[in-house]
Amino acid sequence: MKHIIIIILLGLFFCLAPAEAQAQDISHQMQSRLEKAKQSMDAGDYGAANKQFRQMLSMEEDLPVNMSYLFAETLYMLRQFENAKNFLNRYLKIEGVRGDYYDRALRLQKELDKKIKEIEDCNLCSSKGYKMTSCSQCNGDGELEAPCKKCQGKGNIVCRDCMGDGVRLTVGRVGGIAYEDCKKCSQKGYHACNQCNGEKKIKQDCEKCLGSGLEDTKEICDHQQGILDIN
């Protein structure tokens, strides 16, 4: 009986040891990436820090609590204000006043609210804070012409009353058949498409700008009020 217990314990040890070693390895990788991200932040290279943080997220493991704040600060410096706010709120919710970065988090929160408010109030930039210019696909019109689907670009449709014949068949009370001119289409057998009014094309919202006539540039907006360049 004693030998059986020893064998069972040894079996459990050899089963659990690899899993524990793997968990330690992942924890070591996570901490290593966090330190590299902090070094990049200290050097002002927030792009490199962003890569380290995103690699940590892709590992799908429990994240160090301070990572949420540090990532929020990095995103703020990269002007990704909404994402920064999400991670900052997560940090404050989990750590609260106990957090190592609590005071800095409160200051960052105020700065984020200020930046987001500036963007919301600005009519020169998108919600991401980039200046807008005239849409390159619709030239700022917000609409594009496309062939009418109802008439397939022909501008007219077959008259349903006469089925395109221009005359209607009527059956008299005694069974006799009579022909009469179709009044709906004036004997033409067709009439103008009521979707495009015979123009063969219709206007629809531009797919690129969703009808706004504007698209983002890569230039960060300074929120200085002026005339929006849509030429």
Foldseek 3Di string as FASTA:
>chain_A
DVVVVVVVVVVVCVVVVVVVVVVVVLVVLQVVLCVVLVVCVVVVNLVSSLVSLVVSVVVVDDHDLCSLQSNLVSCVVVLQLVSSLVSLVVSCVVQPPNDPCNVVSVVVNVVSVVVQVLLVPFPQADSSQFGKEFDPPVLLQQKDKDFDPVCRLQQKDFDPQCQQQQWHWDADPVGDIDIDGDPVCNSRRIDGDPVCRSPRIDMDGDPVVRSRRMDGDPHGDPRDDDDHHHD
